PDBML (XML) file of the C-alpha atoms, coordinates in Angstrom:
<?xml version="1.0" encoding="UTF-8" ?>
<PDBx:datablock datablockName="MODEL"
   xmlns:PDBx="http://pdbml.pdb.org/schema/pdbx-v50.xsd"
   xmlns:xsi="http://www.w3.org/2001/XMLSchema-instance"
   xsi:schemaLocation="http://pdbml.pdb.org/schema/pdbx-v50.xsd pdbx-v50.xsd">
   <PDBx:atom_siteCategory>
      <PDBx:atom_site id="1">
         <PDBx:B_iso_or_equiv>0.00</PDBx:B_iso_or_equiv>
         <PDBx:Cartn_x>-0.029</PDBx:Cartn_x>
         <PDBx:Cartn_y>0.018</PDBx:Cartn_y>
         <PDBx:Cartn_z>-0.023</PDBx:Cartn_z>
         <PDBx:auth_asym_id>A</PDBx:auth_asym_id>
         <PDBx:auth_atom_id>CA</PDBx:auth_atom_id>
         <PDBx:auth_comp_id>LYS</PDBx:auth_comp_id>
         <PDBx:auth_seq_id>1</PDBx:auth_seq_id>
         <PDBx:group_PDB>ATOM</PDBx:group_PDB>
         <PDBx:label_alt_id xsi:nil="true" />
         <PDBx:label_asym_id>A</PDBx:label_asym_id>
         <PDBx:label_atom_id>CA</PDBx:label_atom_id>
         <PDBx:label_comp_id>LYS</PDBx:label_comp_id>
         <PDBx:label_entity_id>1</PDBx:label_entity_id>
         <PDBx:label_seq_id>1</PDBx:label_seq_id>
         <PDBx:occupancy>1.00</PDBx:occupancy>
         <PDBx:pdbx_PDB_model_num>1</PDBx:pdbx_PDB_model_num>
         <PDBx:type_symbol>C</PDBx:type_symbol>
      </PDBx:atom_site>
      <PDBx:atom_site id="2">
         <PDBx:B_iso_or_equiv>0.00</PDBx:B_iso_or_equiv>
         <PDBx:Cartn_x>1.205</PDBx:Cartn_x>
         <PDBx:Cartn_y>3.574</PDBx:Cartn_y>
         <PDBx:Cartn_z>-0.528</PDBx:Cartn_z>
         <PDBx:auth_asym_id>A</PDBx:auth_asym_id>
         <PDBx:auth_atom_id>CA</PDBx:auth_atom_id>
         <PDBx:auth_comp_id>GLY</PDBx:auth_comp_id>
         <PDBx:auth_seq_id>2</PDBx:auth_seq_id>
         <PDBx:group_PDB>ATOM</PDBx:group_PDB>
         <PDBx:label_alt_id xsi:nil="true" />
         <PDBx:label_asym_id>A</PDBx:label_asym_id>
         <PDBx:label_atom_id>CA</PDBx:label_atom_id>
         <PDBx:label_comp_id>GLY</PDBx:label_comp_id>
         <PDBx:label_entity_id>1</PDBx:label_entity_id>
         <PDBx:label_seq_id>2</PDBx:label_seq_id>
         <PDBx:occupancy>1.00</PDBx:occupancy>
         <PDBx:pdbx_PDB_model_num>1</PDBx:pdbx_PDB_model_num>
         <PDBx:type_symbol>C</PDBx:type_symbol>
      </PDBx:atom_site>
      <PDBx:atom_site id="3">
         <PDBx:B_iso_or_equiv>0.00</PDBx:B_iso_or_equiv>
         <PDBx:Cartn_x>0.424</PDBx:Cartn_x>
         <PDBx:Cartn_y>7.209</PDBx:Cartn_y>
         <PDBx:Cartn_z>-0.542</PDBx:Cartn_z>
         <PDBx:auth_asym_id>A</PDBx:auth_asym_id>
         <PDBx:auth_atom_id>CA</PDBx:auth_atom_id>
         <PDBx:auth_comp_id>LEU</PDBx:auth_comp_id>
         <PDBx:auth_seq_id>3</PDBx:auth_seq_id>
         <PDBx:group_PDB>ATOM</PDBx:group_PDB>
         <PDBx:label_alt_id xsi:nil="true" />
         <PDBx:label_asym_id>A</PDBx:label_asym_id>
         <PDBx:label_atom_id>CA</PDBx:label_atom_id>
         <PDBx:label_comp_id>LEU</PDBx:label_comp_id>
         <PDBx:label_entity_id>1</PDBx:label_entity_id>
         <PDBx:label_seq_id>3</PDBx:label_seq_id>
         <PDBx:occupancy>1.00</PDBx:occupancy>
         <PDBx:pdbx_PDB_model_num>1</PDBx:pdbx_PDB_model_num>
         <PDBx:type_symbol>C</PDBx:type_symbol>
      </PDBx:atom_site>
      <PDBx:atom_site id="4">
         <PDBx:B_iso_or_equiv>0.00</PDBx:B_iso_or_equiv>
         <PDBx:Cartn_x>1.478</PDBx:Cartn_x>
         <PDBx:Cartn_y>10.112</PDBx:Cartn_y>
         <PDBx:Cartn_z>-2.820</PDBx:Cartn_z>
         <PDBx:auth_asym_id>A</PDBx:auth_asym_id>
         <PDBx:auth_atom_id>CA</PDBx:auth_atom_id>
         <PDBx:auth_comp_id>ILE</PDBx:auth_comp_id>
         <PDBx:auth_seq_id>4</PDBx:auth_seq_id>
         <PDBx:group_PDB>ATOM</PDBx:group_PDB>
         <PDBx:label_alt_id xsi:nil="true" />
         <PDBx:label_asym_id>A</PDBx:label_asym_id>
         <PDBx:label_atom_id>CA</PDBx:label_atom_id>
         <PDBx:label_comp_id>ILE</PDBx:label_comp_id>
         <PDBx:label_entity_id>1</PDBx:label_entity_id>
         <PDBx:label_seq_id>4</PDBx:label_seq_id>
         <PDBx:occupancy>1.00</PDBx:occupancy>
         <PDBx:pdbx_PDB_model_num>1</PDBx:pdbx_PDB_model_num>
         <PDBx:type_symbol>C</PDBx:type_symbol>
      </PDBx:atom_site>
      <PDBx:atom_site id="5">
         <PDBx:B_iso_or_equiv>0.00</PDBx:B_iso_or_equiv>
         <PDBx:Cartn_x>1.117</PDBx:Cartn_x>
         <PDBx:Cartn_y>13.350</PDBx:Cartn_y>
         <PDBx:Cartn_z>-1.090</PDBx:Cartn_z>
         <PDBx:auth_asym_id>A</PDBx:auth_asym_id>
         <PDBx:auth_atom_id>CA</PDBx:auth_atom_id>
         <PDBx:auth_comp_id>GLU</PDBx:auth_comp_id>
         <PDBx:auth_seq_id>5</PDBx:auth_seq_id>
         <PDBx:group_PDB>ATOM</PDBx:group_PDB>
         <PDBx:label_alt_id xsi:nil="true" />
         <PDBx:label_asym_id>A</PDBx:label_asym_id>
         <PDBx:label_atom_id>CA</PDBx:label_atom_id>
         <PDBx:label_comp_id>GLU</PDBx:label_comp_id>
         <PDBx:label_entity_id>1</PDBx:label_entity_id>
         <PDBx:label_seq_id>5</PDBx:label_seq_id>
         <PDBx:occupancy>1.00</PDBx:occupancy>
         <PDBx:pdbx_PDB_model_num>1</PDBx:pdbx_PDB_model_num>
         <PDBx:type_symbol>C</PDBx:type_symbol>
      </PDBx:atom_site>
      <PDBx:atom_site id="6">
         <PDBx:B_iso_or_equiv>0.00</PDBx:B_iso_or_equiv>
         <PDBx:Cartn_x>1.565</PDBx:Cartn_x>
         <PDBx:Cartn_y>17.126</PDBx:Cartn_y>
         <PDBx:Cartn_z>-2.354</PDBx:Cartn_z>
         <PDBx:auth_asym_id>A</PDBx:auth_asym_id>
         <PDBx:auth_atom_id>CA</PDBx:auth_atom_id>
         <PDBx:auth_comp_id>ARG</PDBx:auth_comp_id>
         <PDBx:auth_seq_id>6</PDBx:auth_seq_id>
         <PDBx:group_PDB>ATOM</PDBx:group_PDB>
         <PDBx:label_alt_id xsi:nil="true" />
         <PDBx:label_asym_id>A</PDBx:label_asym_id>
         <PDBx:label_atom_id>CA</PDBx:label_atom_id>
         <PDBx:label_comp_id>ARG</PDBx:label_comp_id>
         <PDBx:label_entity_id>1</PDBx:label_entity_id>
         <PDBx:label_seq_id>6</PDBx:label_seq_id>
         <PDBx:occupancy>1.00</PDBx:occupancy>
         <PDBx:pdbx_PDB_model_num>1</PDBx:pdbx_PDB_model_num>
         <PDBx:type_symbol>C</PDBx:type_symbol>
      </PDBx:atom_site>
      <PDBx:atom_site id="7">
         <PDBx:B_iso_or_equiv>0.00</PDBx:B_iso_or_equiv>
         <PDBx:Cartn_x>0.956</PDBx:Cartn_x>
         <PDBx:Cartn_y>16.545</PDBx:Cartn_y>
         <PDBx:Cartn_z>-6.056</PDBx:Cartn_z>
         <PDBx:auth_asym_id>A</PDBx:auth_asym_id>
         <PDBx:auth_atom_id>CA</PDBx:auth_atom_id>
         <PDBx:auth_comp_id>ILE</PDBx:auth_comp_id>
         <PDBx:auth_seq_id>7</PDBx:auth_seq_id>
         <PDBx:group_PDB>ATOM</PDBx:group_PDB>
         <PDBx:label_alt_id xsi:nil="true" />
         <PDBx:label_asym_id>A</PDBx:label_asym_id>
         <PDBx:label_atom_id>CA</PDBx:label_atom_id>
         <PDBx:label_comp_id>ILE</PDBx:label_comp_id>
         <PDBx:label_entity_id>1</PDBx:label_entity_id>
         <PDBx:label_seq_id>7</PDBx:label_seq_id>
         <PDBx:occupancy>1.00</PDBx:occupancy>
         <PDBx:pdbx_PDB_model_num>1</PDBx:pdbx_PDB_model_num>
         <PDBx:type_symbol>C</PDBx:type_symbol>
      </PDBx:atom_site>
      <PDBx:atom_site id="8">
         <PDBx:B_iso_or_equiv>0.00</PDBx:B_iso_or_equiv>
         <PDBx:Cartn_x>1.339</PDBx:Cartn_x>
         <PDBx:Cartn_y>19.690</PDBx:Cartn_y>
         <PDBx:Cartn_z>-7.970</PDBx:Cartn_z>
         <PDBx:auth_asym_id>A</PDBx:auth_asym_id>
         <PDBx:auth_atom_id>CA</PDBx:auth_atom_id>
         <PDBx:auth_comp_id>GLY</PDBx:auth_comp_id>
         <PDBx:auth_seq_id>8</PDBx:auth_seq_id>
         <PDBx:group_PDB>ATOM</PDBx:group_PDB>
         <PDBx:label_alt_id xsi:nil="true" />
         <PDBx:label_asym_id>A</PDBx:label_asym_id>
         <PDBx:label_atom_id>CA</PDBx:label_atom_id>
         <PDBx:label_comp_id>GLY</PDBx:label_comp_id>
         <PDBx:label_entity_id>1</PDBx:label_entity_id>
         <PDBx:label_seq_id>8</PDBx:label_seq_id>
         <PDBx:occupancy>1.00</PDBx:occupancy>
         <PDBx:pdbx_PDB_model_num>1</PDBx:pdbx_PDB_model_num>
         <PDBx:type_symbol>C</PDBx:type_symbol>
      </PDBx:atom_site>
      <PDBx:atom_site id="9">
         <PDBx:B_iso_or_equiv>0.00</PDBx:B_iso_or_equiv>
         <PDBx:Cartn_x>3.398</PDBx:Cartn_x>
         <PDBx:Cartn_y>21.115</PDBx:Cartn_y>
         <PDBx:Cartn_z>-5.360</PDBx:Cartn_z>
         <PDBx:auth_asym_id>A</PDBx:auth_asym_id>
         <PDBx:auth_atom_id>CA</PDBx:auth_atom_id>
         <PDBx:auth_comp_id>LEU</PDBx:auth_comp_id>
         <PDBx:auth_seq_id>9</PDBx:auth_seq_id>
         <PDBx:group_PDB>ATOM</PDBx:group_PDB>
         <PDBx:label_alt_id xsi:nil="true" />
         <PDBx:label_asym_id>A</PDBx:label_asym_id>
         <PDBx:label_atom_id>CA</PDBx:label_atom_id>
         <PDBx:label_comp_id>LEU</PDBx:label_comp_id>
         <PDBx:label_entity_id>1</PDBx:label_entity_id>
         <PDBx:label_seq_id>9</PDBx:label_seq_id>
         <PDBx:occupancy>1.00</PDBx:occupancy>
         <PDBx:pdbx_PDB_model_num>1</PDBx:pdbx_PDB_model_num>
         <PDBx:type_symbol>C</PDBx:type_symbol>
      </PDBx:atom_site>
      <PDBx:atom_site id="10">
         <PDBx:B_iso_or_equiv>0.00</PDBx:B_iso_or_equiv>
         <PDBx:Cartn_x>7.295</PDBx:Cartn_x>
         <PDBx:Cartn_y>21.219</PDBx:Cartn_y>
         <PDBx:Cartn_z>-4.587</PDBx:Cartn_z>
         <PDBx:auth_asym_id>A</PDBx:auth_asym_id>
         <PDBx:auth_atom_id>CA</PDBx:auth_atom_id>
         <PDBx:auth_comp_id>ASN</PDBx:auth_comp_id>
         <PDBx:auth_seq_id>10</PDBx:auth_seq_id>
         <PDBx:group_PDB>ATOM</PDBx:group_PDB>
         <PDBx:label_alt_id xsi:nil="true" />
         <PDBx:label_asym_id>A</PDBx:label_asym_id>
         <PDBx:label_atom_id>CA</PDBx:label_atom_id>
         <PDBx:label_comp_id>ASN</PDBx:label_comp_id>
         <PDBx:label_entity_id>1</PDBx:label_entity_id>
         <PDBx:label_seq_id>10</PDBx:label_seq_id>
         <PDBx:occupancy>1.00</PDBx:occupancy>
         <PDBx:pdbx_PDB_model_num>1</PDBx:pdbx_PDB_model_num>
         <PDBx:type_symbol>C</PDBx:type_symbol>
      </PDBx:atom_site>
      <PDBx:atom_site id="11">
         <PDBx:B_iso_or_equiv>0.00</PDBx:B_iso_or_equiv>
         <PDBx:Cartn_x>8.667</PDBx:Cartn_x>
         <PDBx:Cartn_y>18.373</PDBx:Cartn_y>
         <PDBx:Cartn_z>-2.436</PDBx:Cartn_z>
         <PDBx:auth_asym_id>A</PDBx:auth_asym_id>
         <PDBx:auth_atom_id>CA</PDBx:auth_atom_id>
         <PDBx:auth_comp_id>ASP</PDBx:auth_comp_id>
         <PDBx:auth_seq_id>11</PDBx:auth_seq_id>
         <PDBx:group_PDB>ATOM</PDBx:group_PDB>
         <PDBx:label_alt_id xsi:nil="true" />
         <PDBx:label_asym_id>A</PDBx:label_asym_id>
         <PDBx:label_atom_id>CA</PDBx:label_atom_id>
         <PDBx:label_comp_id>ASP</PDBx:label_comp_id>
         <PDBx:label_entity_id>1</PDBx:label_entity_id>
         <PDBx:label_seq_id>11</PDBx:label_seq_id>
         <PDBx:occupancy>1.00</PDBx:occupancy>
         <PDBx:pdbx_PDB_model_num>1</PDBx:pdbx_PDB_model_num>
         <PDBx:type_symbol>C</PDBx:type_symbol>
      </PDBx:atom_site>
      <PDBx:atom_site id="12">
         <PDBx:B_iso_or_equiv>0.00</PDBx:B_iso_or_equiv>
         <PDBx:Cartn_x>5.884</PDBx:Cartn_x>
         <PDBx:Cartn_y>15.695</PDBx:Cartn_y>
         <PDBx:Cartn_z>-3.161</PDBx:Cartn_z>
         <PDBx:auth_asym_id>A</PDBx:auth_asym_id>
         <PDBx:auth_atom_id>CA</PDBx:auth_atom_id>
         <PDBx:auth_comp_id>SER</PDBx:auth_comp_id>
         <PDBx:auth_seq_id>12</PDBx:auth_seq_id>
         <PDBx:group_PDB>ATOM</PDBx:group_PDB>
         <PDBx:label_alt_id xsi:nil="true" />
         <PDBx:label_asym_id>A</PDBx:label_asym_id>
         <PDBx:label_atom_id>CA</PDBx:label_atom_id>
         <PDBx:label_comp_id>SER</PDBx:label_comp_id>
         <PDBx:label_entity_id>1</PDBx:label_entity_id>
         <PDBx:label_seq_id>12</PDBx:label_seq_id>
         <PDBx:occupancy>1.00</PDBx:occupancy>
         <PDBx:pdbx_PDB_model_num>1</PDBx:pdbx_PDB_model_num>
         <PDBx:type_symbol>C</PDBx:type_symbol>
      </PDBx:atom_site>
      <PDBx:atom_site id="13">
         <PDBx:B_iso_or_equiv>0.00</PDBx:B_iso_or_equiv>
         <PDBx:Cartn_x>6.266</PDBx:Cartn_x>
         <PDBx:Cartn_y>12.608</PDBx:Cartn_y>
         <PDBx:Cartn_z>-1.141</PDBx:Cartn_z>
         <PDBx:auth_asym_id>A</PDBx:auth_asym_id>
         <PDBx:auth_atom_id>CA</PDBx:auth_atom_id>
         <PDBx:auth_comp_id>ILE</PDBx:auth_comp_id>
         <PDBx:auth_seq_id>13</PDBx:auth_seq_id>
         <PDBx:group_PDB>ATOM</PDBx:group_PDB>
         <PDBx:label_alt_id xsi:nil="true" />
         <PDBx:label_asym_id>A</PDBx:label_asym_id>
         <PDBx:label_atom_id>CA</PDBx:label_atom_id>
         <PDBx:label_comp_id>ILE</PDBx:label_comp_id>
         <PDBx:label_entity_id>1</PDBx:label_entity_id>
         <PDBx:label_seq_id>13</PDBx:label_seq_id>
         <PDBx:occupancy>1.00</PDBx:occupancy>
         <PDBx:pdbx_PDB_model_num>1</PDBx:pdbx_PDB_model_num>
         <PDBx:type_symbol>C</PDBx:type_symbol>
      </PDBx:atom_site>
      <PDBx:atom_site id="14">
         <PDBx:B_iso_or_equiv>0.00</PDBx:B_iso_or_equiv>
         <PDBx:Cartn_x>5.703</PDBx:Cartn_x>
         <PDBx:Cartn_y>8.986</PDBx:Cartn_y>
         <PDBx:Cartn_z>-2.217</PDBx:Cartn_z>
         <PDBx:auth_asym_id>A</PDBx:auth_asym_id>
         <PDBx:auth_atom_id>CA</PDBx:auth_atom_id>
         <PDBx:auth_comp_id>SER</PDBx:auth_comp_id>
         <PDBx:auth_seq_id>14</PDBx:auth_seq_id>
         <PDBx:group_PDB>ATOM</PDBx:group_PDB>
         <PDBx:label_alt_id xsi:nil="true" />
         <PDBx:label_asym_id>A</PDBx:label_asym_id>
         <PDBx:label_atom_id>CA</PDBx:label_atom_id>
         <PDBx:label_comp_id>SER</PDBx:label_comp_id>
         <PDBx:label_entity_id>1</PDBx:label_entity_id>
         <PDBx:label_seq_id>14</PDBx:label_seq_id>
         <PDBx:occupancy>1.00</PDBx:occupancy>
         <PDBx:pdbx_PDB_model_num>1</PDBx:pdbx_PDB_model_num>
         <PDBx:type_symbol>C</PDBx:type_symbol>
      </PDBx:atom_site>
      <PDBx:atom_site id="15">
         <PDBx:B_iso_or_equiv>0.00</PDBx:B_iso_or_equiv>
         <PDBx:Cartn_x>5.529</PDBx:Cartn_x>
         <PDBx:Cartn_y>6.292</PDBx:Cartn_y>
         <PDBx:Cartn_z>0.465</PDBx:Cartn_z>
         <PDBx:auth_asym_id>A</PDBx:auth_asym_id>
         <PDBx:auth_atom_id>CA</PDBx:auth_atom_id>
         <PDBx:auth_comp_id>THR</PDBx:auth_comp_id>
         <PDBx:auth_seq_id>15</PDBx:auth_seq_id>
         <PDBx:group_PDB>ATOM</PDBx:group_PDB>
         <PDBx:label_alt_id xsi:nil="true" />
         <PDBx:label_asym_id>A</PDBx:label_asym_id>
         <PDBx:label_atom_id>CA</PDBx:label_atom_id>
         <PDBx:label_comp_id>THR</PDBx:label_comp_id>
         <PDBx:label_entity_id>1</PDBx:label_entity_id>
         <PDBx:label_seq_id>15</PDBx:label_seq_id>
         <PDBx:occupancy>1.00</PDBx:occupancy>
         <PDBx:pdbx_PDB_model_num>1</PDBx:pdbx_PDB_model_num>
         <PDBx:type_symbol>C</PDBx:type_symbol>
      </PDBx:atom_site>
      <PDBx:atom_site id="16">
         <PDBx:B_iso_or_equiv>0.00</PDBx:B_iso_or_equiv>
         <PDBx:Cartn_x>5.414</PDBx:Cartn_x>
         <PDBx:Cartn_y>2.584</PDBx:Cartn_y>
         <PDBx:Cartn_z>-0.196</PDBx:Cartn_z>
         <PDBx:auth_asym_id>A</PDBx:auth_asym_id>
         <PDBx:auth_atom_id>CA</PDBx:auth_atom_id>
         <PDBx:auth_comp_id>VAL</PDBx:auth_comp_id>
         <PDBx:auth_seq_id>16</PDBx:auth_seq_id>
         <PDBx:group_PDB>ATOM</PDBx:group_PDB>
         <PDBx:label_alt_id xsi:nil="true" />
         <PDBx:label_asym_id>A</PDBx:label_asym_id>
         <PDBx:label_atom_id>CA</PDBx:label_atom_id>
         <PDBx:label_comp_id>VAL</PDBx:label_comp_id>
         <PDBx:label_entity_id>1</PDBx:label_entity_id>
         <PDBx:label_seq_id>16</PDBx:label_seq_id>
         <PDBx:occupancy>1.00</PDBx:occupancy>
         <PDBx:pdbx_PDB_model_num>1</PDBx:pdbx_PDB_model_num>
         <PDBx:type_symbol>C</PDBx:type_symbol>
      </PDBx:atom_site>
      <PDBx:atom_site id="17">
         <PDBx:B_iso_or_equiv>0.00</PDBx:B_iso_or_equiv>
         <PDBx:Cartn_x>4.733</PDBx:Cartn_x>
         <PDBx:Cartn_y>0.057</PDBx:Cartn_y>
         <PDBx:Cartn_z>2.670</PDBx:Cartn_z>
         <PDBx:auth_asym_id>A</PDBx:auth_asym_id>
         <PDBx:auth_atom_id>CA</PDBx:auth_atom_id>
         <PDBx:auth_comp_id>LYS</PDBx:auth_comp_id>
         <PDBx:auth_seq_id>17</PDBx:auth_seq_id>
         <PDBx:group_PDB>ATOM</PDBx:group_PDB>
         <PDBx:label_alt_id xsi:nil="true" />
         <PDBx:label_asym_id>A</PDBx:label_asym_id>
         <PDBx:label_atom_id>CA</PDBx:label_atom_id>
         <PDBx:label_comp_id>LYS</PDBx:label_comp_id>
         <PDBx:label_entity_id>1</PDBx:label_entity_id>
         <PDBx:label_seq_id>17</PDBx:label_seq_id>
         <PDBx:occupancy>1.00</PDBx:occupancy>
         <PDBx:pdbx_PDB_model_num>1</PDBx:pdbx_PDB_model_num>
         <PDBx:type_symbol>C</PDBx:type_symbol>
      </PDBx:atom_site>
      <PDBx:atom_site id="18">
         <PDBx:B_iso_or_equiv>0.00</PDBx:B_iso_or_equiv>
         <PDBx:Cartn_x>5.073</PDBx:Cartn_x>
         <PDBx:Cartn_y>-3.761</PDBx:Cartn_y>
         <PDBx:Cartn_z>2.259</PDBx:Cartn_z>
         <PDBx:auth_asym_id>A</PDBx:auth_asym_id>
         <PDBx:auth_atom_id>CA</PDBx:auth_atom_id>
         <PDBx:auth_comp_id>TYR</PDBx:auth_comp_id>
         <PDBx:auth_seq_id>18</PDBx:auth_seq_id>
         <PDBx:group_PDB>ATOM</PDBx:group_PDB>
         <PDBx:label_alt_id xsi:nil="true" />
         <PDBx:label_asym_id>A</PDBx:label_asym_id>
         <PDBx:label_atom_id>CA</PDBx:label_atom_id>
         <PDBx:label_comp_id>TYR</PDBx:label_comp_id>
         <PDBx:label_entity_id>1</PDBx:label_entity_id>
         <PDBx:label_seq_id>18</PDBx:label_seq_id>
         <PDBx:occupancy>1.00</PDBx:occupancy>
         <PDBx:pdbx_PDB_model_num>1</PDBx:pdbx_PDB_model_num>
         <PDBx:type_symbol>C</PDBx:type_symbol>
      </PDBx:atom_site>
      <PDBx:atom_site id="19">
         <PDBx:B_iso_or_equiv>0.00</PDBx:B_iso_or_equiv>
         <PDBx:Cartn_x>6.353</PDBx:Cartn_x>
         <PDBx:Cartn_y>-6.803</PDBx:Cartn_y>
         <PDBx:Cartn_z>4.319</PDBx:Cartn_z>
         <PDBx:auth_asym_id>A</PDBx:auth_asym_id>
         <PDBx:auth_atom_id>CA</PDBx:auth_atom_id>
         <PDBx:auth_comp_id>ASP</PDBx:auth_comp_id>
         <PDBx:auth_seq_id>19</PDBx:auth_seq_id>
         <PDBx:group_PDB>ATOM</PDBx:group_PDB>
         <PDBx:label_alt_id xsi:nil="true" />
         <PDBx:label_asym_id>A</PDBx:label_asym_id>
         <PDBx:label_atom_id>CA</PDBx:label_atom_id>
         <PDBx:label_comp_id>ASP</PDBx:label_comp_id>
         <PDBx:label_entity_id>1</PDBx:label_entity_id>
         <PDBx:label_seq_id>19</PDBx:label_seq_id>
         <PDBx:occupancy>1.00</PDBx:occupancy>
         <PDBx:pdbx_PDB_model_num>1</PDBx:pdbx_PDB_model_num>
         <PDBx:type_symbol>C</PDBx:type_symbol>
      </PDBx:atom_site>
      <PDBx:atom_site id="20">
         <PDBx:B_iso_or_equiv>0.00</PDBx:B_iso_or_equiv>
         <PDBx:Cartn_x>6.677</PDBx:Cartn_x>
         <PDBx:Cartn_y>-4.659</PDBx:Cartn_y>
         <PDBx:Cartn_z>7.298</PDBx:Cartn_z>
         <PDBx:auth_asym_id>A</PDBx:auth_asym_id>
         <PDBx:auth_atom_id>CA</PDBx:auth_atom_id>
         <PDBx:auth_comp_id>ASP</PDBx:auth_comp_id>
         <PDBx:auth_seq_id>20</PDBx:auth_seq_id>
         <PDBx:group_PDB>ATOM</PDBx:group_PDB>
         <PDBx:label_alt_id xsi:nil="true" />
         <PDBx:label_asym_id>A</PDBx:label_asym_id>
         <PDBx:label_atom_id>CA</PDBx:label_atom_id>
         <PDBx:label_comp_id>ASP</PDBx:label_comp_id>
         <PDBx:label_entity_id>1</PDBx:label_entity_id>
         <PDBx:label_seq_id>20</PDBx:label_seq_id>
         <PDBx:occupancy>1.00</PDBx:occupancy>
         <PDBx:pdbx_PDB_model_num>1</PDBx:pdbx_PDB_model_num>
         <PDBx:type_symbol>C</PDBx:type_symbol>
      </PDBx:atom_site>
      <PDBx:atom_site id="21">
         <PDBx:B_iso_or_equiv>0.00</PDBx:B_iso_or_equiv>
         <PDBx:Cartn_x>9.034</PDBx:Cartn_x>
         <PDBx:Cartn_y>-2.272</PDBx:Cartn_y>
         <PDBx:Cartn_z>5.441</PDBx:Cartn_z>
         <PDBx:auth_asym_id>A</PDBx:auth_asym_id>
         <PDBx:auth_atom_id>CA</PDBx:auth_atom_id>
         <PDBx:auth_comp_id>LYS</PDBx:auth_comp_id>
         <PDBx:auth_seq_id>21</PDBx:auth_seq_id>
         <PDBx:group_PDB>ATOM</PDBx:group_PDB>
         <PDBx:label_alt_id xsi:nil="true" />
         <PDBx:label_asym_id>A</PDBx:label_asym_id>
         <PDBx:label_atom_id>CA</PDBx:label_atom_id>
         <PDBx:label_comp_id>LYS</PDBx:label_comp_id>
         <PDBx:label_entity_id>1</PDBx:label_entity_id>
         <PDBx:label_seq_id>21</PDBx:label_seq_id>
         <PDBx:occupancy>1.00</PDBx:occupancy>
         <PDBx:pdbx_PDB_model_num>1</PDBx:pdbx_PDB_model_num>
         <PDBx:type_symbol>C</PDBx:type_symbol>
      </PDBx:atom_site>
      <PDBx:atom_site id="22">
         <PDBx:B_iso_or_equiv>0.00</PDBx:B_iso_or_equiv>
         <PDBx:Cartn_x>8.433</PDBx:Cartn_x>
         <PDBx:Cartn_y>1.332</PDBx:Cartn_y>
         <PDBx:Cartn_z>4.606</PDBx:Cartn_z>
         <PDBx:auth_asym_id>A</PDBx:auth_asym_id>
         <PDBx:auth_atom_id>CA</PDBx:auth_atom_id>
         <PDBx:auth_comp_id>SER</PDBx:auth_comp_id>
         <PDBx:auth_seq_id>22</PDBx:auth_seq_id>
         <PDBx:group_PDB>ATOM</PDBx:group_PDB>
         <PDBx:label_alt_id xsi:nil="true" />
         <PDBx:label_asym_id>A</PDBx:label_asym_id>
         <PDBx:label_atom_id>CA</PDBx:label_atom_id>
         <PDBx:label_comp_id>SER</PDBx:label_comp_id>
         <PDBx:label_entity_id>1</PDBx:label_entity_id>
         <PDBx:label_seq_id>22</PDBx:label_seq_id>
         <PDBx:occupancy>1.00</PDBx:occupancy>
         <PDBx:pdbx_PDB_model_num>1</PDBx:pdbx_PDB_model_num>
         <PDBx:type_symbol>C</PDBx:type_symbol>
      </PDBx:atom_site>
      <PDBx:atom_site id="23">
         <PDBx:B_iso_or_equiv>0.00</PDBx:B_iso_or_equiv>
         <PDBx:Cartn_x>10.204</PDBx:Cartn_x>
         <PDBx:Cartn_y>3.461</PDBx:Cartn_y>
         <PDBx:Cartn_z>1.930</PDBx:Cartn_z>
         <PDBx:auth_asym_id>A</PDBx:auth_asym_id>
         <PDBx:auth_atom_id>CA</PDBx:auth_atom_id>
         <PDBx:auth_comp_id>ASP</PDBx:auth_comp_id>
         <PDBx:auth_seq_id>23</PDBx:auth_seq_id>
         <PDBx:group_PDB>ATOM</PDBx:group_PDB>
         <PDBx:label_alt_id xsi:nil="true" />
         <PDBx:label_asym_id>A</PDBx:label_asym_id>
         <PDBx:label_atom_id>CA</PDBx:label_atom_id>
         <PDBx:label_comp_id>ASP</PDBx:label_comp_id>
         <PDBx:label_entity_id>1</PDBx:label_entity_id>
         <PDBx:label_seq_id>23</PDBx:label_seq_id>
         <PDBx:occupancy>1.00</PDBx:occupancy>
         <PDBx:pdbx_PDB_model_num>1</PDBx:pdbx_PDB_model_num>
         <PDBx:type_symbol>C</PDBx:type_symbol>
      </PDBx:atom_site>
      <PDBx:atom_site id="24">
         <PDBx:B_iso_or_equiv>0.00</PDBx:B_iso_or_equiv>
         <PDBx:Cartn_x>9.604</PDBx:Cartn_x>
         <PDBx:Cartn_y>7.277</PDBx:Cartn_y>
         <PDBx:Cartn_z>1.235</PDBx:Cartn_z>
         <PDBx:auth_asym_id>A</PDBx:auth_asym_id>
         <PDBx:auth_atom_id>CA</PDBx:auth_atom_id>
         <PDBx:auth_comp_id>SER</PDBx:auth_comp_id>
         <PDBx:auth_seq_id>24</PDBx:auth_seq_id>
         <PDBx:group_PDB>ATOM</PDBx:group_PDB>
         <PDBx:label_alt_id xsi:nil="true" />
         <PDBx:label_asym_id>A</PDBx:label_asym_id>
         <PDBx:label_atom_id>CA</PDBx:label_atom_id>
         <PDBx:label_comp_id>SER</PDBx:label_comp_id>
         <PDBx:label_entity_id>1</PDBx:label_entity_id>
         <PDBx:label_seq_id>24</PDBx:label_seq_id>
         <PDBx:occupancy>1.00</PDBx:occupancy>
         <PDBx:pdbx_PDB_model_num>1</PDBx:pdbx_PDB_model_num>
         <PDBx:type_symbol>C</PDBx:type_symbol>
      </PDBx:atom_site>
   </PDBx:atom_siteCategory>
</PDBx:datablock>
């Protein structure tokens, strides 16, 4: 699962979570 935030703004953030891991 994941979340992409601040689309259309500077410094957007993409986060991915799987197998108890998290990457942003």
